[in-house]
Amino acid sequence: MPEPATLTAHAVTKTYGSAAATTTALAGVDLTIHPGESVAVMGPSGSGKTTLLHALAGIVRPTSGEVVWRGRRLGALSDADRTALRRTDFGFVFQSGQLLPELPADENAALPLMLRGTARTEAVATARRWLAWLGLAGMEGRRPGELSGGQAQRVAVARAMVASPGVIFADEPTGALDQASGQEVLRVLTGAAHGTGAALVVVTHDEQVARWCSRVIGMRDGRVVSESRNGAAPAATAGPVVAR
């Protein structure tokens, strides 16, 4: 029987520096993220929210404690295994999109599939279905410099979703956008996550962004200091049918 798609942090700490000058980024975080839920992680600069996202995604190893995904302890995996996991189980949306400027939208979105060995034709076809679902039909051949900020960020959402991840991590996904573009990106991001059953973890300092999520975690000084739930989540809209 497969392990449930639950992501859990148990007493996670992360420190940097030497014994003489130690900086504590995480100070014992316990957190469980369930399949299909959306969680906003809020807090002032330096509160540890981005470090927590990186620990949950297996980008950094905790100093102590553990992060468990589908029964696997991420800290016990090799660097290669954690990298592979980020290609198959986790999707990412960053503030600046981090698209490759020399590639068209469809190839940017298809990258996670191609990196794990999917044939280019199949990967691009899947990416194009996601781009069309995200309102970018006809723009598949445009490079990032030929897209608006909101359009480029929707390409980043397609890239995050294309491999059918169990968890999507979004770090300030609207921080570089105007309000209207930001709202549109949040609509498609939360809709894609809810429609496919993926969990969504959003790091933000913006309460308007947090309102799109079903649960809000407050952080300060590397600790979870508050937790609240919002009202009804945005209506789920099934994403394009893609092979898993």
Protein backbone atom coordinates (compact mmCIF):
# COMPACT_ATOMS: atom_id res chain seq x y z
CA MET A 1 0.00 0.00 0.00
CA PRO A 2 1.56 3.38 -1.00
CA GLU A 3 2.58 5.85 1.66
CA PRO A 4 0.19 8.82 2.02
CA ALA A 5 1.28 11.99 0.24
CA THR A 6 1.93 13.86 3.48
CA LEU A 7 4.87 16.20 4.06
CA THR A 8 5.94 16.50 7.68
CA ALA A 9 8.60 18.45 9.57
CA HIS A 10 9.57 17.06 12.99
CA ALA A 11 11.49 19.39 15.34
CA VAL A 12 13.45 20.85 12.42
CA THR A 13 16.33 23.20 13.21
CA LYS A 14 18.79 24.90 10.89
CA THR A 15 21.82 26.87 11.99
CA TYR A 16 24.55 28.56 10.02
CA GLY A 17 28.04 29.66 10.95
CA SER A 18 30.53 28.42 13.52
CA ALA A 19 30.13 27.76 17.22
CA ALA A 20 31.51 31.23 17.92
CA ALA A 21 29.00 32.96 15.66
CA THR A 22 25.89 30.88 15.03
CA THR A 23 22.78 32.11 13.27
CA THR A 24 19.60 30.16 13.93
CA ALA A 25 17.28 30.12 10.93
CA LEU A 26 14.90 27.42 12.20
CA ALA A 27 14.45 26.70 15.90
CA GLY A 28 12.42 23.51 16.15
CA VAL A 29 9.60 23.56 13.60
CA ASP A 30 6.82 20.98 13.63
CA LEU A 31 4.50 21.13 10.64
CA THR A 32 2.33 18.73 8.66
CA ILE A 33 1.08 19.50 5.16
CA HIS A 34 -1.71 17.27 3.93
CA PRO A 35 -2.53 16.29 0.34
CA GLY A 36 -4.55 18.93 -1.47
CA GLU A 37 -4.25 21.70 1.11
CA SER A 38 -2.72 25.13 0.53
CA VAL A 39 -0.52 26.65 3.22
CA ALA A 40 0.77 30.23 3.35
CA VAL A 41 3.93 30.72 5.42
CA MET A 42 4.12 34.32 6.61
CA GLY A 43 6.54 36.33 8.69
CA PRO A 44 8.90 39.30 8.62
CA SER A 45 12.23 39.22 6.83
CA GLY A 46 14.59 36.89 8.67
CA SER A 47 11.81 34.88 10.32
CA GLY A 48 12.92 31.64 8.67
CA LYS A 49 10.08 31.17 6.20
CA THR A 50 12.25 30.68 3.09
CA THR A 51 14.64 28.42 4.99
CA LEU A 52 11.65 26.33 6.03
CA LEU A 53 10.52 26.06 2.40
CA HIS A 54 14.03 24.95 1.39
CA ALA A 55 14.12 22.36 4.17
CA LEU A 56 10.68 21.00 3.25
CA ALA A 57 11.75 20.73 -0.40
CA GLY A 58 15.01 18.97 0.40
CA ILE A 59 17.13 21.85 -0.90
CA VAL A 60 18.89 22.22 2.47
CA ARG A 61 19.47 19.56 5.13
CA PRO A 62 18.23 20.39 8.63
CA THR A 63 20.84 20.67 11.36
CA SER A 64 18.59 18.47 13.48
CA GLY A 65 15.11 17.02 13.22
CA GLU A 66 13.77 15.54 10.03
CA VAL A 67 11.52 16.17 7.06
CA VAL A 68 9.49 13.19 5.86
CA TRP A 69 7.75 12.87 2.49
CA ARG A 70 5.73 9.73 1.69
CA GLY A 71 7.52 7.92 4.48
CA ARG A 72 11.01 8.89 3.24
CA ARG A 73 13.35 10.93 5.44
CA LEU A 74 14.76 13.59 3.13
CA GLY A 75 17.85 14.11 5.25
CA ALA A 76 18.81 10.46 4.82
CA LEU A 77 18.73 10.66 1.02
CA SER A 78 21.80 11.33 -1.09
CA ASP A 79 22.11 14.64 -2.93
CA ALA A 80 21.33 12.81 -6.18
CA ASP A 81 18.20 11.21 -4.73
CA ARG A 82 16.95 14.53 -3.35
CA THR A 83 17.57 16.18 -6.73
CA ALA A 84 15.62 13.40 -8.44
CA LEU A 85 12.78 13.84 -5.95
CA ARG A 86 12.57 17.53 -6.81
CA ARG A 87 12.14 16.57 -10.47
CA THR A 88 9.34 14.08 -9.84
CA ASP A 89 7.45 14.90 -6.64
CA PHE A 90 7.99 18.63 -6.08
CA GLY A 91 7.27 21.65 -8.28
CA PHE A 92 8.63 25.19 -7.79
CA VAL A 93 7.50 28.73 -8.59
CA PHE A 94 9.94 31.50 -7.68
CA GLN A 95 9.47 35.25 -7.43
CA SER A 96 11.30 35.99 -10.67
CA GLY A 97 10.13 32.88 -12.51
CA GLN A 98 13.73 31.85 -13.29
CA LEU A 99 12.89 30.90 -16.85
CA LEU A 100 15.74 30.27 -19.30
CA PRO A 101 15.79 33.31 -21.60
CA GLU A 102 16.95 31.41 -24.67
CA LEU A 103 14.12 28.84 -24.59
CA PRO A 104 10.52 29.32 -25.79
CA ALA A 105 7.67 28.98 -23.33
CA ASP A 106 6.84 25.37 -24.19
CA GLU A 107 10.42 24.17 -23.71
CA ASN A 108 10.79 26.14 -20.47
CA ALA A 109 7.65 24.47 -19.14
CA ALA A 110 8.75 21.04 -20.38
CA LEU A 111 12.17 21.13 -18.68
CA PRO A 112 11.27 19.02 -15.59
CA LEU A 113 10.01 16.22 -17.82
CA MET A 114 13.00 16.34 -20.16
CA LEU A 115 15.43 16.37 -17.23
CA ARG A 116 13.94 13.12 -15.95
CA GLY A 117 14.23 11.45 -19.34
CA THR A 118 10.86 12.02 -21.02
CA ALA A 119 11.16 12.26 -24.80
CA ARG A 120 11.19 15.87 -25.97
CA THR A 121 8.10 15.48 -28.18
CA GLU A 122 6.03 14.04 -25.32
CA ALA A 123 7.36 16.57 -22.78
CA VAL A 124 6.60 19.56 -25.00
CA ALA A 125 3.13 18.22 -25.83
CA THR A 126 2.34 17.92 -22.12
CA ALA A 127 3.74 21.40 -21.47
CA ARG A 128 1.59 22.85 -24.27
CA ARG A 129 -1.55 21.37 -22.73
CA TRP A 130 -0.71 23.10 -19.46
CA LEU A 131 0.10 26.39 -21.20
CA ALA A 132 -3.25 26.29 -23.00
CA TRP A 133 -5.07 25.55 -19.74
CA LEU A 134 -3.28 28.53 -18.17
CA GLY A 135 -4.48 30.86 -20.93
CA LEU A 136 -1.28 30.93 -22.99
CA ALA A 137 -2.44 29.15 -26.14
CA GLY A 138 -0.69 30.69 -29.12
CA MET A 139 2.24 31.90 -27.01
CA GLU A 140 4.11 28.58 -26.82
CA GLY A 141 6.92 29.80 -29.07
CA ARG A 142 7.53 33.09 -27.28
CA ARG A 143 10.67 33.53 -25.21
CA PRO A 144 10.50 35.05 -21.71
CA GLY A 145 11.55 38.46 -23.00
CA GLU A 146 8.52 38.47 -25.30
CA LEU A 147 6.05 37.84 -22.46
CA SER A 148 4.59 40.13 -19.83
CA GLY A 149 5.53 39.49 -16.21
CA GLY A 150 2.23 37.78 -15.50
CA GLN A 151 2.48 35.62 -18.62
CA ALA A 152 6.03 34.58 -17.76
CA GLN A 153 4.95 33.63 -14.26
CA ARG A 154 2.16 31.49 -15.71
CA VAL A 155 4.83 29.67 -17.73
CA ALA A 156 6.59 29.08 -14.41
CA VAL A 157 3.34 27.64 -13.01
CA ALA A 158 3.12 25.31 -16.02
CA ARG A 159 6.71 24.21 -15.39
CA ALA A 160 5.85 23.51 -11.74
CA MET A 161 2.78 21.45 -12.67
CA VAL A 162 4.00 19.57 -15.73
CA ALA A 163 5.40 16.56 -13.84
CA SER A 164 2.23 16.09 -11.74
CA PRO A 165 3.95 16.93 -8.42
CA GLY A 166 2.61 16.06 -5.00
CA VAL A 167 3.69 19.42 -3.55
CA ILE A 168 4.17 22.81 -5.20
CA PHE A 169 6.48 25.28 -3.45
CA ALA A 170 6.03 28.97 -4.31
CA ASP A 171 8.43 31.57 -2.90
CA GLU A 172 6.90 35.07 -3.14
CA PRO A 173 5.30 34.11 -6.48
CA THR A 174 3.72 37.54 -7.04
CA GLY A 175 6.45 39.70 -5.53
CA ALA A 176 7.62 41.05 -8.90
CA LEU A 177 4.13 41.59 -10.36
CA ASP A 178 1.54 44.36 -10.30
CA GLN A 179 -1.63 43.67 -8.34
CA ALA A 180 -3.78 42.57 -11.28
CA SER A 181 -1.13 40.22 -12.68
CA GLY A 182 -0.45 38.88 -9.21
CA GLN A 183 -4.11 38.08 -8.63
CA GLU A 184 -4.28 36.23 -11.96
CA VAL A 185 -1.18 34.17 -11.15
CA LEU A 186 -2.62 33.27 -7.74
CA ARG A 187 -5.89 32.24 -9.36
CA VAL A 188 -4.22 29.86 -11.79
CA LEU A 189 -1.68 28.60 -9.25
CA THR A 190 -4.23 27.74 -6.58
CA GLY A 191 -6.65 26.43 -9.20
CA ALA A 192 -4.00 24.13 -10.67
CA ALA A 193 -3.02 22.83 -7.24
CA HIS A 194 -6.59 22.23 -6.08
CA GLY A 195 -7.61 20.73 -9.39
CA THR A 196 -4.83 18.15 -9.38
CA GLY A 197 -4.85 17.38 -5.67
CA ALA A 198 -1.34 18.73 -5.07
CA ALA A 199 -0.46 20.44 -1.82
CA LEU A 200 0.67 24.06 -2.15
CA VAL A 201 3.16 25.84 0.13
CA VAL A 202 3.43 29.60 -0.46
CA VAL A 203 6.01 31.79 1.27
CA THR A 204 4.80 35.38 1.40
CA HIS A 205 4.74 38.55 3.45
CA ASP A 206 1.54 39.72 1.74
CA GLU A 207 -1.79 39.11 3.48
CA GLN A 208 -3.60 39.38 0.13
CA VAL A 209 -1.60 36.40 -1.11
CA ALA A 210 -2.20 34.43 2.10
CA ARG A 211 -5.97 34.80 1.69
CA TRP A 212 -5.81 32.48 -1.31
CA CYS A 213 -4.61 29.63 0.92
CA SER A 214 -6.68 27.44 3.22
CA ARG A 215 -4.20 27.64 6.12
CA VAL A 216 -1.85 30.40 7.27
CA ILE A 217 1.29 29.72 9.33
CA GLY A 218 2.96 32.65 11.09
CA MET A 219 6.71 32.52 11.76
CA ARG A 220 9.05 34.59 13.88
CA ASP A 221 12.65 33.94 14.95
CA GLY A 222 12.67 30.55 13.28
CA ARG A 223 9.56 29.27 15.05
CA VAL A 224 5.92 28.75 14.15
CA VAL A 225 4.10 31.24 16.37
CA SER A 226 0.57 31.16 14.95
CA GLU A 227 -1.77 29.17 12.78
CA SER A 228 -5.16 30.04 11.35
CA ARG A 229 -7.55 28.85 8.70
CA ASN A 230 -9.21 30.88 5.99
CA GLY A 231 -12.72 30.38 4.65
CA ALA A 232 -13.58 28.29 1.64
CA ALA A 233 -10.68 27.62 -0.72
CA PRO A 234 -10.93 28.75 -4.35
CA ALA A 235 -13.07 26.47 -6.47
CA ALA A 236 -11.13 23.53 -7.85
CA THR A 237 -10.71 23.40 -11.59
CA ALA A 238 -9.25 20.23 -13.04
CA GLY A 239 -6.04 20.74 -14.97
CA PRO A 240 -5.37 19.23 -18.38
CA VAL A 241 -5.37 15.46 -18.65
CA VAL A 242 -1.72 14.35 -18.70
CA ALA A 243 -0.03 10.99 -18.44
CA ARG A 244 1.52 10.25 -15.06
